[in-house]
Amino acid sequence: MPLIFEEIKLDCGYRIDLLVENKFIIEIKAVESLTVNHLAQTLTYLRLAKCKLGLLINFNEALLKNGIRKVANNL
């Protein structure tokens, strides 16, 4: 996703892991535990893409269901 400020476009902007039909974002991690920074990053992507819902998935869990967090953007 390019970063656009006023009329300046930077191609080195944000990198969303998966954007599903321009409506849903999936952010993938493989870390010891998810932090507030990971949540903030996903929320930033939701706001910039004007999406309402996203998933933050951590694959470094014994049970995958324990590594999935829903993230909502209150547009």
PDB file of N, CA and C in Angstrom:
ATOM      1  N   MET A   1       0.853  -1.156   0.000  1.00  0.00           N
ATOM      2  CA  MET A   1       0.000   0.000   0.000  1.00  0.00           C
ATOM      3  C   MET A   1       0.904   1.224   0.000  1.00  0.00           C
ATOM      4  N   PRO A   2       0.824   2.064  -1.024  1.00  0.00           N
ATOM      5  CA  PRO A   2       1.674   3.257  -1.062  1.00  0.00           C
ATOM      6  C   PRO A   2       1.250   4.260   0.007  1.00  0.00           C
ATOM      7  N   LEU A   3       2.194   5.015   0.493  1.00  0.00           N
ATOM      8  CA  LEU A   3       1.926   6.054   1.470  1.00  0.00           C
ATOM      9  C   LEU A   3       1.770   7.367   0.720  1.00  0.00           C
ATOM     10  N   ILE A   4       0.614   8.023   0.865  1.00  0.00           N
ATOM     11  CA  ILE A   4       0.341   9.271   0.152  1.00  0.00           C
ATOM     12  C   ILE A   4       0.098  10.365   1.181  1.00  0.00           C
ATOM     13  N   PHE A   5       0.881  11.437   1.088  1.00  0.00           N
ATOM     14  CA  PHE A   5       0.713  12.598   1.949  1.00  0.00           C
ATOM     15  C   PHE A   5       0.576  13.816   1.063  1.00  0.00           C
ATOM     16  N   GLU A   6      -0.580  14.495   1.156  1.00  0.00           N
ATOM     17  CA  GLU A   6      -0.938  15.590   0.271  1.00  0.00           C
ATOM     18  C   GLU A   6      -0.791  15.105  -1.169  1.00  0.00           C
ATOM     19  N   GLU A   7       0.151  15.605  -1.934  1.00  0.00           N
ATOM     20  CA  GLU A   7       0.314  15.150  -3.317  1.00  0.00           C
ATOM     21  C   GLU A   7       1.569  14.304  -3.505  1.00  0.00           C
ATOM     22  N   ILE A   8       2.213  13.962  -2.414  1.00  0.00           N
ATOM     23  CA  ILE A   8       3.450  13.188  -2.476  1.00  0.00           C
ATOM     24  C   ILE A   8       3.124  11.713  -2.269  1.00  0.00           C
ATOM     25  N   LYS A   9       3.567  10.875  -3.197  1.00  0.00           N
ATOM     26  CA  LYS A   9       3.322   9.435  -3.116  1.00  0.00           C
ATOM     27  C   LYS A   9       4.646   8.709  -2.913  1.00  0.00           C
ATOM     28  N   LEU A  10       4.730   7.929  -1.837  1.00  0.00           N
ATOM     29  CA  LEU A  10       5.913   7.128  -1.555  1.00  0.00           C
ATOM     30  C   LEU A  10       5.563   5.662  -1.746  1.00  0.00           C
ATOM     31  N   ASP A  11       6.309   4.976  -2.603  1.00  0.00           N
ATOM     32  CA  ASP A  11       6.042   3.566  -2.859  1.00  0.00           C
ATOM     33  C   ASP A  11       6.574   2.656  -1.752  1.00  0.00           C
ATOM     34  N   CYS A  12       7.336   3.217  -0.834  1.00  0.00           N
ATOM     35  CA  CYS A  12       7.899   2.405   0.243  1.00  0.00           C
ATOM     36  C   CYS A  12       7.020   2.467   1.486  1.00  0.00           C
ATOM     37  N   GLY A  13       5.730   2.559   1.285  1.00  0.00           N
ATOM     38  CA  GLY A  13       4.784   2.712   2.386  1.00  0.00           C
ATOM     39  C   GLY A  13       4.599   1.457   3.202  1.00  0.00           C
ATOM     40  N   TYR A  14       3.364   1.160   3.495  1.00  0.00           N
ATOM     41  CA  TYR A  14       3.029   0.038   4.365  1.00  0.00           C
ATOM     42  C   TYR A  14       2.840  -1.237   3.568  1.00  0.00           C
ATOM     43  N   ARG A  15       3.148  -2.362   4.188  1.00  0.00           N
ATOM     44  CA  ARG A  15       3.037  -3.665   3.517  1.00  0.00           C
ATOM     45  C   ARG A  15       2.054  -4.550   4.276  1.00  0.00           C
ATOM     46  N   ILE A  16       0.835  -4.564   3.791  1.00  0.00           N
ATOM     47  CA  ILE A  16      -0.193  -5.417   4.370  1.00  0.00           C
ATOM     48  C   ILE A  16       0.086  -6.845   3.916  1.00  0.00           C
ATOM     49  N   ASP A  17       0.006  -7.799   4.842  1.00  0.00           N
ATOM     50  CA  ASP A  17       0.276  -9.191   4.475  1.00  0.00           C
ATOM     51  C   ASP A  17      -0.780  -9.720   3.512  1.00  0.00           C
ATOM     52  N   LEU A  18      -2.045  -9.659   3.888  1.00  0.00           N
ATOM     53  CA  LEU A  18      -3.128 -10.118   3.014  1.00  0.00           C
ATOM     54  C   LEU A  18      -4.281  -9.128   3.069  1.00  0.00           C
ATOM     55  N   LEU A  19      -4.731  -8.698   1.907  1.00  0.00           N
ATOM     56  CA  LEU A  19      -5.897  -7.824   1.793  1.00  0.00           C
ATOM     57  C   LEU A  19      -6.932  -8.577   0.976  1.00  0.00           C
ATOM     58  N   VAL A  20      -8.042  -8.927   1.600  1.00  0.00           N
ATOM     59  CA  VAL A  20      -9.061  -9.758   0.968  1.00  0.00           C
ATOM     60  C   VAL A  20     -10.172  -8.871   0.420  1.00  0.00           C
ATOM     61  N   GLU A  21     -10.273  -8.795  -0.905  1.00  0.00           N
ATOM     62  CA  GLU A  21     -11.302  -8.050  -1.628  1.00  0.00           C
ATOM     63  C   GLU A  21     -11.459  -6.611  -1.133  1.00  0.00           C
ATOM     64  N   ASN A  22     -10.353  -5.986  -0.751  1.00  0.00           N
ATOM     65  CA  ASN A  22     -10.332  -4.608  -0.255  1.00  0.00           C
ATOM     66  C   ASN A  22     -11.281  -4.377   0.914  1.00  0.00           C
ATOM     67  N   LYS A  23     -11.582  -5.436   1.689  1.00  0.00           N
ATOM     68  CA  LYS A  23     -12.513  -5.307   2.806  1.00  0.00           C
ATOM     69  C   LYS A  23     -11.976  -5.879   4.109  1.00  0.00           C
ATOM     70  N   PHE A  24     -11.015  -6.758   4.032  1.00  0.00           N
ATOM     71  CA  PHE A  24     -10.591  -7.524   5.199  1.00  0.00           C
ATOM     72  C   PHE A  24      -9.074  -7.684   5.172  1.00  0.00           C
ATOM     73  N   ILE A  25      -8.416  -7.410   6.291  1.00  0.00           N
ATOM     74  CA  ILE A  25      -6.954  -7.498   6.364  1.00  0.00           C
ATOM     75  C   ILE A  25      -6.555  -8.658   7.269  1.00  0.00           C
ATOM     76  N   ILE A  26      -5.573  -9.430   6.819  1.00  0.00           N
ATOM     77  CA  ILE A  26      -4.994 -10.490   7.636  1.00  0.00           C
ATOM     78  C   ILE A  26      -3.509 -10.184   7.790  1.00  0.00           C
ATOM     79  N   GLU A  27      -3.100  -9.980   9.026  1.00  0.00           N
ATOM     80  CA  GLU A  27      -1.699  -9.694   9.335  1.00  0.00           C
ATOM     81  C   GLU A  27      -1.105 -10.935   9.989  1.00  0.00           C
ATOM     82  N   ILE A  28      -0.009 -11.440   9.429  1.00  0.00           N
ATOM     83  CA  ILE A  28       0.574 -12.708   9.860  1.00  0.00           C
ATOM     84  C   ILE A  28       1.880 -12.462  10.616  1.00  0.00           C
ATOM     85  N   LYS A  29       1.999 -13.117  11.762  1.00  0.00           N
ATOM     86  CA  LYS A  29       3.210 -13.031  12.580  1.00  0.00           C
ATOM     87  C   LYS A  29       3.644 -14.433  12.992  1.00  0.00           C
ATOM     88  N   ALA A  30       4.891 -14.563  13.385  1.00  0.00           N
ATOM     89  CA  ALA A  30       5.423 -15.793  13.974  1.00  0.00           C
ATOM     90  C   ALA A  30       6.382 -15.366  15.082  1.00  0.00           C
ATOM     91  N   VAL A  31       5.806 -14.909  16.188  1.00  0.00           N
ATOM     92  CA  VAL A  31       6.580 -14.354  17.300  1.00  0.00           C
ATOM     93  C   VAL A  31       6.226 -15.093  18.590  1.00  0.00           C
ATOM     94  N   GLU A  32       7.047 -14.893  19.610  1.00  0.00           N
ATOM     95  CA  GLU A  32       6.806 -15.544  20.906  1.00  0.00           C
ATOM     96  C   GLU A  32       5.425 -15.189  21.449  1.00  0.00           C
ATOM     97  N   SER A  33       5.090 -13.905  21.411  1.00  0.00           N
ATOM     98  CA  SER A  33       3.752 -13.467  21.815  1.00  0.00           C
ATOM     99  C   SER A  33       3.441 -12.156  21.102  1.00  0.00           C
ATOM    100  N   LEU A  34       2.166 -11.937  20.846  1.00  0.00           N
ATOM    101  CA  LEU A  34       1.740 -10.703  20.188  1.00  0.00           C
ATOM    102  C   LEU A  34       1.844  -9.552  21.178  1.00  0.00           C
ATOM    103  N   THR A  35       2.295  -8.402  20.687  1.00  0.00           N
ATOM    104  CA  THR A  35       2.459  -7.231  21.545  1.00  0.00           C
ATOM    105  C   THR A  35       1.479  -6.141  21.131  1.00  0.00           C
ATOM    106  N   VAL A  36       1.468  -5.078  21.906  1.00  0.00           N
ATOM    107  CA  VAL A  36       0.633  -3.923  21.594  1.00  0.00           C
ATOM    108  C   VAL A  36       1.060  -3.317  20.258  1.00  0.00           C
ATOM    109  N   ASN A  37       2.347  -3.395  19.939  1.00  0.00           N
ATOM    110  CA  ASN A  37       2.842  -2.864  18.666  1.00  0.00           C
ATOM    111  C   ASN A  37       2.254  -3.616  17.483  1.00  0.00           C
ATOM    112  N   HIS A  38       2.114  -4.928  17.594  1.00  0.00           N
ATOM    113  CA  HIS A  38       1.515  -5.716  16.516  1.00  0.00           C
ATOM    114  C   HIS A  38       0.054  -5.318  16.320  1.00  0.00           C
ATOM    115  N   LEU A  39      -0.648  -5.120  17.421  1.00  0.00           N
ATOM    116  CA  LEU A  39      -2.048  -4.702  17.352  1.00  0.00           C
ATOM    117  C   LEU A  39      -2.165  -3.313  16.732  1.00  0.00           C
ATOM    118  N   ALA A  40      -1.288  -2.397  17.140  1.00  0.00           N
ATOM    119  CA  ALA A  40      -1.302  -1.039  16.592  1.00  0.00           C
ATOM    120  C   ALA A  40      -0.989  -1.043  15.100  1.00  0.00           C
ATOM    121  N   GLN A  41      -0.069  -1.885  14.675  1.00  0.00           N
ATOM    122  CA  GLN A  41       0.274  -1.990  13.259  1.00  0.00           C
ATOM    123  C   GLN A  41      -0.936  -2.451  12.454  1.00  0.00           C
ATOM    124  N   THR A  42      -1.628  -3.469  12.942  1.00  0.00           N
ATOM    125  CA  THR A  42      -2.808  -3.978  12.244  1.00  0.00           C
ATOM    126  C   THR A  42      -3.901  -2.921  12.198  1.00  0.00           C
ATOM    127  N   LEU A  43      -4.099  -2.207  13.292  1.00  0.00           N
ATOM    128  CA  LEU A  43      -5.111  -1.151  13.331  1.00  0.00           C
ATOM    129  C   LEU A  43      -4.758  -0.014  12.373  1.00  0.00           C
ATOM    130  N   THR A  44      -3.484   0.316  12.265  1.00  0.00           N
ATOM    131  CA  THR A  44      -3.041   1.334  11.308  1.00  0.00           C
ATOM    132  C   THR A  44      -3.355   0.906   9.885  1.00  0.00           C
ATOM    133  N   TYR A  45      -3.079  -0.340   9.552  1.00  0.00           N
ATOM    134  CA  TYR A  45      -3.396  -0.858   8.219  1.00  0.00           C
ATOM    135  C   TYR A  45      -4.892  -0.787   7.949  1.00  0.00           C
ATOM    136  N   LEU A  46      -5.706  -1.122   8.952  1.00  0.00           N
ATOM    137  CA  LEU A  46      -7.159  -1.054   8.789  1.00  0.00           C
ATOM    138  C   LEU A  46      -7.605   0.373   8.496  1.00  0.00           C
ATOM    139  N   ARG A  47      -7.063   1.317   9.223  1.00  0.00           N
ATOM    140  CA  ARG A  47      -7.447   2.725   9.025  1.00  0.00           C
ATOM    141  C   ARG A  47      -7.013   3.242   7.662  1.00  0.00           C
ATOM    142  N   LEU A  48      -5.784   2.941   7.266  1.00  0.00           N
ATOM    143  CA  LEU A  48      -5.288   3.427   5.980  1.00  0.00           C
ATOM    144  C   LEU A  48      -6.026   2.801   4.801  1.00  0.00           C
ATOM    145  N   ALA A  49      -6.412   1.542   4.934  1.00  0.00           N
ATOM    146  CA  ALA A  49      -7.113   0.848   3.856  1.00  0.00           C
ATOM    147  C   ALA A  49      -8.625   1.053   3.941  1.00  0.00           C
ATOM    148  N   LYS A  50      -9.074   1.751   4.997  1.00  0.00           N
ATOM    149  CA  LYS A  50     -10.501   1.995   5.224  1.00  0.00           C
ATOM    150  C   LYS A  50     -11.288   0.685   5.305  1.00  0.00           C
ATOM    151  N   CYS A  51     -10.712  -0.277   6.010  1.00  0.00           N
ATOM    152  CA  CYS A  51     -11.361  -1.572   6.254  1.00  0.00           C
ATOM    153  C   CYS A  51     -11.899  -1.591   7.682  1.00  0.00           C
ATOM    154  N   LYS A  52     -12.955  -2.349   7.893  1.00  0.00           N
ATOM    155  CA  LYS A  52     -13.555  -2.430   9.222  1.00  0.00           C
ATOM    156  C   LYS A  52     -12.967  -3.541  10.081  1.00  0.00           C
ATOM    157  N   LEU A  53     -12.645  -4.675   9.457  1.00  0.00           N
ATOM    158  CA  LEU A  53     -12.223  -5.836  10.234  1.00  0.00           C
ATOM    159  C   LEU A  53     -10.900  -6.410   9.758  1.00  0.00           C
ATOM    160  N   GLY A  54     -10.194  -7.022  10.699  1.00  0.00           N
ATOM    161  CA  GLY A  54      -8.955  -7.694  10.357  1.00  0.00           C
ATOM    162  C   GLY A  54      -8.651  -8.799  11.346  1.00  0.00           C
ATOM    163  N   LEU A  55      -7.719  -9.643  10.969  1.00  0.00           N
ATOM    164  CA  LEU A  55      -7.235 -10.702  11.846  1.00  0.00           C
ATOM    165  C   LEU A  55      -5.737 -10.539  12.027  1.00  0.00           C
ATOM    166  N   LEU A  56      -5.296 -10.686  13.246  1.00  0.00           N
ATOM    167  CA  LEU A  56      -3.876 -10.711  13.574  1.00  0.00           C
ATOM    168  C   LEU A  56      -3.580 -12.142  14.001  1.00  0.00           C
ATOM    169  N   ILE A  57      -2.790 -12.848  13.198  1.00  0.00           N
ATOM    170  CA  ILE A  57      -2.556 -14.274  13.426  1.00  0.00           C
ATOM    171  C   ILE A  57      -1.091 -14.522  13.767  1.00  0.00           C
ATOM    172  N   ASN A  58      -0.870 -15.189  14.898  1.00  0.00           N
ATOM    173  CA  ASN A  58       0.468 -15.584  15.322  1.00  0.00           C
ATOM    174  C   ASN A  58       0.599 -17.094  15.136  1.00  0.00           C
ATOM    175  N   PHE A  59       1.458 -17.507  14.218  1.00  0.00           N
ATOM    176  CA  PHE A  59       1.641 -18.923  13.936  1.00  0.00           C
ATOM    177  C   PHE A  59       2.581 -19.618  14.919  1.00  0.00           C
ATOM    178  N   ASN A  60       3.169 -18.878  15.837  1.00  0.00           N
ATOM    179  CA  ASN A  60       4.069 -19.475  16.830  1.00  0.00           C
ATOM    180  C   ASN A  60       3.289 -19.840  18.100  1.00  0.00           C
ATOM    181  N   GLU A  61       2.232 -20.587  17.940  1.00  0.00           N
ATOM    182  CA  GLU A  61       1.397 -21.058  19.047  1.00  0.00           C
ATOM    183  C   GLU A  61       1.202 -22.560  18.915  1.00  0.00           C
ATOM    184  N   ALA A  62       1.094 -23.245  20.036  1.00  0.00           N
ATOM    185  CA  ALA A  62       0.846 -24.688  20.002  1.00  0.00           C
ATOM    186  C   ALA A  62      -0.520 -24.976  19.388  1.00  0.00           C
ATOM    187  N   LEU A  63      -1.522 -24.190  19.769  1.00  0.00           N
ATOM    188  CA  LEU A  63      -2.856 -24.264  19.169  1.00  0.00           C
ATOM    189  C   LEU A  63      -3.095 -22.983  18.387  1.00  0.00           C
ATOM    190  N   LEU A  64      -3.337 -23.103  17.100  1.00  0.00           N
ATOM    191  CA  LEU A  64      -3.487 -21.916  16.257  1.00  0.00           C
ATOM    192  C   LEU A  64      -4.605 -21.014  16.742  1.00  0.00           C
ATOM    193  N   LYS A  65      -5.686 -21.586  17.273  1.00  0.00           N
ATOM    194  CA  LYS A  65      -6.809 -20.764  17.728  1.00  0.00           C
ATOM    195  C   LYS A  65      -6.399 -19.798  18.844  1.00  0.00           C
ATOM    196  N   ASN A  66      -5.345 -20.122  19.579  1.00  0.00           N
ATOM    197  CA  ASN A  66      -4.849 -19.226  20.628  1.00  0.00           C
ATOM    198  C   ASN A  66      -4.055 -18.050  20.059  1.00  0.00           C
ATOM    199  N   GLY A  67      -3.669 -18.129  18.806  1.00  0.00           N
ATOM    200  CA  GLY A  67      -2.869 -17.073  18.196  1.00  0.00           C
ATOM    201  C   GLY A  67      -3.656 -16.155  17.285  1.00  0.00           C
ATOM    202  N   ILE A  68      -4.981 -16.252  17.299  1.00  0.00           N
ATOM    203  CA  ILE A  68      -5.811 -15.431  16.411  1.00  0.00           C
ATOM    204  C   ILE A  68      -6.514 -14.348  17.217  1.00  0.00           C
ATOM    205  N   ARG A  69      -6.340 -13.094  16.782  1.00  0.00           N
ATOM    206  CA  ARG A  69      -7.036 -11.962  17.402  1.00  0.00           C
ATOM    207  C   ARG A  69      -7.811 -11.210  16.346  1.00  0.00           C
ATOM    208  N   LYS A  70      -9.047 -10.906  16.647  1.00  0.00           N
ATOM    209  CA  LYS A  70      -9.860 -10.064  15.772  1.00  0.00           C
ATOM    210  C   LYS A  70      -9.552  -8.614  16.098  1.00  0.00           C
ATOM    211  N   VAL A  71      -9.455  -7.794  15.057  1.00  0.00           N
ATOM    212  CA  VAL A  71      -9.179  -6.372  15.237  1.00  0.00           C
ATOM    213  C   VAL A  71     -10.252  -5.607  14.482  1.00  0.00           C
ATOM    214  N   ALA A  72     -10.885  -4.646  15.158  1.00  0.00           N
ATOM    215  CA  ALA A  72     -11.954  -3.867  14.541  1.00  0.00           C
ATOM    216  C   ALA A  72     -11.558  -2.402  14.467  1.00  0.00           C
ATOM    217  N   ASN A  73     -11.891  -1.784  13.352  1.00  0.00           N
ATOM    218  CA  ASN A  73     -11.652  -0.364  13.138  1.00  0.00           C
ATOM    219  C   ASN A  73     -12.996   0.339  13.223  1.00  0.00           C
ATOM    220  N   ASN A  74     -13.145   1.217  14.187  1.00  0.00           N
ATOM    221  CA  ASN A  74     -14.403   1.954  14.346  1.00  0.00           C
ATOM    222  C   ASN A  74     -14.403   3.179  13.447  1.00  0.00           C
ATOM    223  N   LEU A  75     -14.561   2.937  12.142  1.00  0.00           N
ATOM    224  CA  LEU A  75     -14.529   4.016  11.157  1.00  0.00           C
ATOM    225  C   LEU A  75     -15.349   5.157  11.668  1.00  0.00           C
TER     226      LEU A  75
END
